[in-house]
């Protein structure tokens, strides 16, 4: 609960930085790393990131030679005083968990936001609130 409140507060504070950012050029990054050791031990990791004005997305994948692994997708969008983002993680055994965040500039010096977390068992927990910024 404390972590969710902190996450929501950070998102609310960072919203002005996202909405006032200078226009970004579209760009991407892809990286693959493979490490192999003795006895068949090793792992492979891949990552890709895409960015353009008002949005960003990233994918990460980690797989071991023994069959363990996790795949993660993250995304963020922002424009006109609003931010939304989230992440989903899926393990090789099919377990999925993640989070989503949304923040809106109310136009009166306050920001409203909501964070929803989904646990591996499928249950969700949502925290929401409003923060007022002192403009003095």
Protein backbone atom coordinates (compact mmCIF):
# COMPACT_ATOMS: atom_id res chain seq x y z
CA UNK A 1 0.00 0.00 0.00
CA UNK A 2 2.79 2.41 0.92
CA UNK A 3 4.63 1.59 -2.32
CA UNK A 4 1.51 2.25 -4.39
CA UNK A 5 1.00 5.63 -2.75
CA UNK A 6 4.62 6.57 -3.40
CA UNK A 7 4.36 5.41 -7.03
CA UNK A 8 1.20 7.45 -7.56
CA UNK A 9 2.75 10.51 -5.92
CA UNK A 10 5.87 10.27 -8.10
CA UNK A 11 3.73 9.93 -11.23
CA UNK A 12 1.69 12.97 -10.23
CA UNK A 13 4.80 15.06 -9.60
CA UNK A 14 6.44 14.01 -12.89
CA UNK A 15 3.40 14.76 -15.06
CA UNK A 16 4.40 18.40 -15.73
CA UNK A 17 7.85 17.27 -16.87
CA UNK A 18 6.31 14.87 -19.40
CA UNK A 19 3.73 17.31 -20.71
CA UNK A 20 6.19 20.22 -21.04
CA UNK A 21 9.03 18.24 -22.62
CA UNK A 22 10.53 19.40 -25.87
CA UNK A 23 9.50 17.48 -28.99
CA UNK A 24 11.38 14.21 -29.26
CA UNK A 25 12.74 12.65 -32.39
CA UNK A 26 11.58 9.11 -33.08
CA UNK A 27 14.31 6.66 -32.18
CA UNK A 28 14.81 3.08 -31.20
CA UNK A 29 17.31 0.81 -29.54
CA UNK A 30 17.75 -2.94 -29.84
CA UNK A 31 20.23 -4.99 -27.87
CA UNK A 32 20.86 -8.72 -27.52
CA UNK A 33 23.29 -10.37 -25.11
CA UNK A 34 24.01 -14.07 -24.80
CA UNK A 35 26.26 -15.62 -22.15
CA UNK A 36 27.17 -19.30 -22.23
CA UNK A 37 29.16 -21.15 -19.60
CA UNK A 38 30.33 -24.67 -18.94
CA UNK A 39 27.88 -27.52 -18.48
CA UNK A 40 25.21 -25.92 -20.66
CA UNK A 41 24.63 -23.03 -18.30
CA UNK A 42 23.85 -19.65 -19.75
CA UNK A 43 21.25 -17.08 -20.64
CA UNK A 44 20.06 -14.81 -23.39
CA UNK A 45 18.70 -11.30 -22.86
CA UNK A 46 17.11 -9.03 -25.43
CA UNK A 47 15.79 -5.51 -25.14
CA UNK A 48 14.16 -3.07 -27.51
CA UNK A 49 13.07 0.51 -26.89
CA UNK A 50 11.04 2.80 -29.14
CA UNK A 51 10.51 6.49 -28.48
CA UNK A 52 8.64 9.19 -30.32
CA UNK A 53 6.88 12.38 -29.36
CA UNK A 54 4.35 11.67 -26.66
CA UNK A 55 5.07 7.97 -26.29
CA UNK A 56 7.65 5.36 -25.39
CA UNK A 57 7.62 1.58 -25.26
CA UNK A 58 10.09 -1.07 -24.21
CA UNK A 59 10.29 -4.85 -24.32
CA UNK A 60 12.68 -7.02 -22.35
CA UNK A 61 13.16 -10.76 -22.46
CA UNK A 62 15.40 -12.96 -20.31
CA UNK A 63 15.68 -16.70 -20.93
CA UNK A 64 18.02 -19.18 -19.28
CA UNK A 65 19.27 -22.40 -20.84
CA UNK A 66 17.45 -24.29 -18.07
CA UNK A 67 14.07 -22.97 -19.27
CA UNK A 68 13.44 -20.18 -16.78
CA UNK A 69 12.59 -16.75 -18.08
CA UNK A 70 10.47 -13.64 -18.11
CA UNK A 71 9.20 -11.27 -20.79
CA UNK A 72 8.27 -7.67 -19.96
CA UNK A 73 6.49 -4.98 -21.95
CA UNK A 74 6.26 -1.35 -20.83
CA UNK A 75 4.58 1.64 -22.40
CA UNK A 76 3.95 5.31 -21.68
CA UNK A 77 1.90 7.96 -23.45
CA UNK A 78 1.53 11.63 -22.62
CA UNK A 79 -0.13 14.66 -24.20
CA UNK A 80 -2.46 17.53 -23.38
CA UNK A 81 -1.96 17.27 -19.63
CA UNK A 82 -2.49 13.52 -19.38
CA UNK A 83 -0.14 10.59 -18.80
CA UNK A 84 -0.85 6.87 -19.00
CA UNK A 85 1.57 4.02 -18.73
CA UNK A 86 1.98 0.49 -17.59
CA UNK A 87 3.96 -2.70 -17.57
CA UNK A 88 3.12 -6.38 -18.00
CA UNK A 89 5.45 -9.21 -17.03
CA UNK A 90 4.95 -12.86 -18.04
CA UNK A 91 7.06 -15.76 -16.79
CA UNK A 92 7.71 -18.95 -18.77
CA UNK A 93 5.17 -20.84 -16.66
CA UNK A 94 2.45 -18.41 -17.77
CA UNK A 95 2.20 -16.29 -14.63
CA UNK A 96 1.37 -12.67 -15.49
CA UNK A 97 1.51 -9.57 -13.32
CA UNK A 98 1.79 -5.84 -13.91
CA UNK A 99 0.63 -2.32 -13.25
CA UNK A 100 -1.00 0.62 -14.97
CA UNK A 101 -0.85 4.32 -14.08
CA UNK A 102 -2.84 7.28 -15.31
CA UNK A 103 -2.54 10.96 -14.35
CA UNK A 104 -4.58 13.94 -15.53
CA UNK A 105 -3.97 17.67 -15.12
CA UNK A 106 -7.28 19.02 -13.83
CA UNK A 107 -6.45 22.54 -15.02
CA UNK A 108 -6.85 24.12 -11.59
CA UNK A 109 -3.38 23.38 -10.22
CA UNK A 110 -4.31 19.86 -9.19
CA UNK A 111 -3.54 16.46 -10.68
CA UNK A 112 -5.60 13.29 -10.30
CA UNK A 113 -4.09 9.86 -10.68
CA UNK A 114 -4.73 6.18 -10.35
CA UNK A 115 -2.40 3.18 -10.05
CA UNK A 116 -3.67 -0.37 -10.54
CA UNK A 117 -1.51 -3.37 -9.77
CA UNK A 118 -2.35 -6.88 -10.92
CA UNK A 119 -0.84 -9.71 -8.92
CA UNK A 120 0.17 -13.15 -10.19
CA UNK A 121 -3.05 -14.64 -8.81
CA UNK A 122 -5.07 -12.19 -10.93
CA UNK A 123 -6.28 -9.99 -8.09
CA UNK A 124 -5.99 -6.25 -8.55
CA UNK A 125 -5.47 -3.35 -6.18
CA UNK A 126 -6.19 0.23 -7.19
CA UNK A 127 -5.03 3.41 -5.46
CA UNK A 128 -6.18 6.83 -6.57
CA UNK A 129 -5.88 10.39 -5.37
CA UNK A 130 -5.51 14.06 -6.16
CA UNK A 131 -2.50 16.27 -5.49
CA UNK A 132 -2.62 20.07 -5.52
CA UNK A 133 0.51 21.95 -6.53
CA UNK A 134 1.29 25.19 -4.76
CA UNK A 135 2.09 27.68 -7.53
CA UNK A 136 3.59 30.32 -5.22
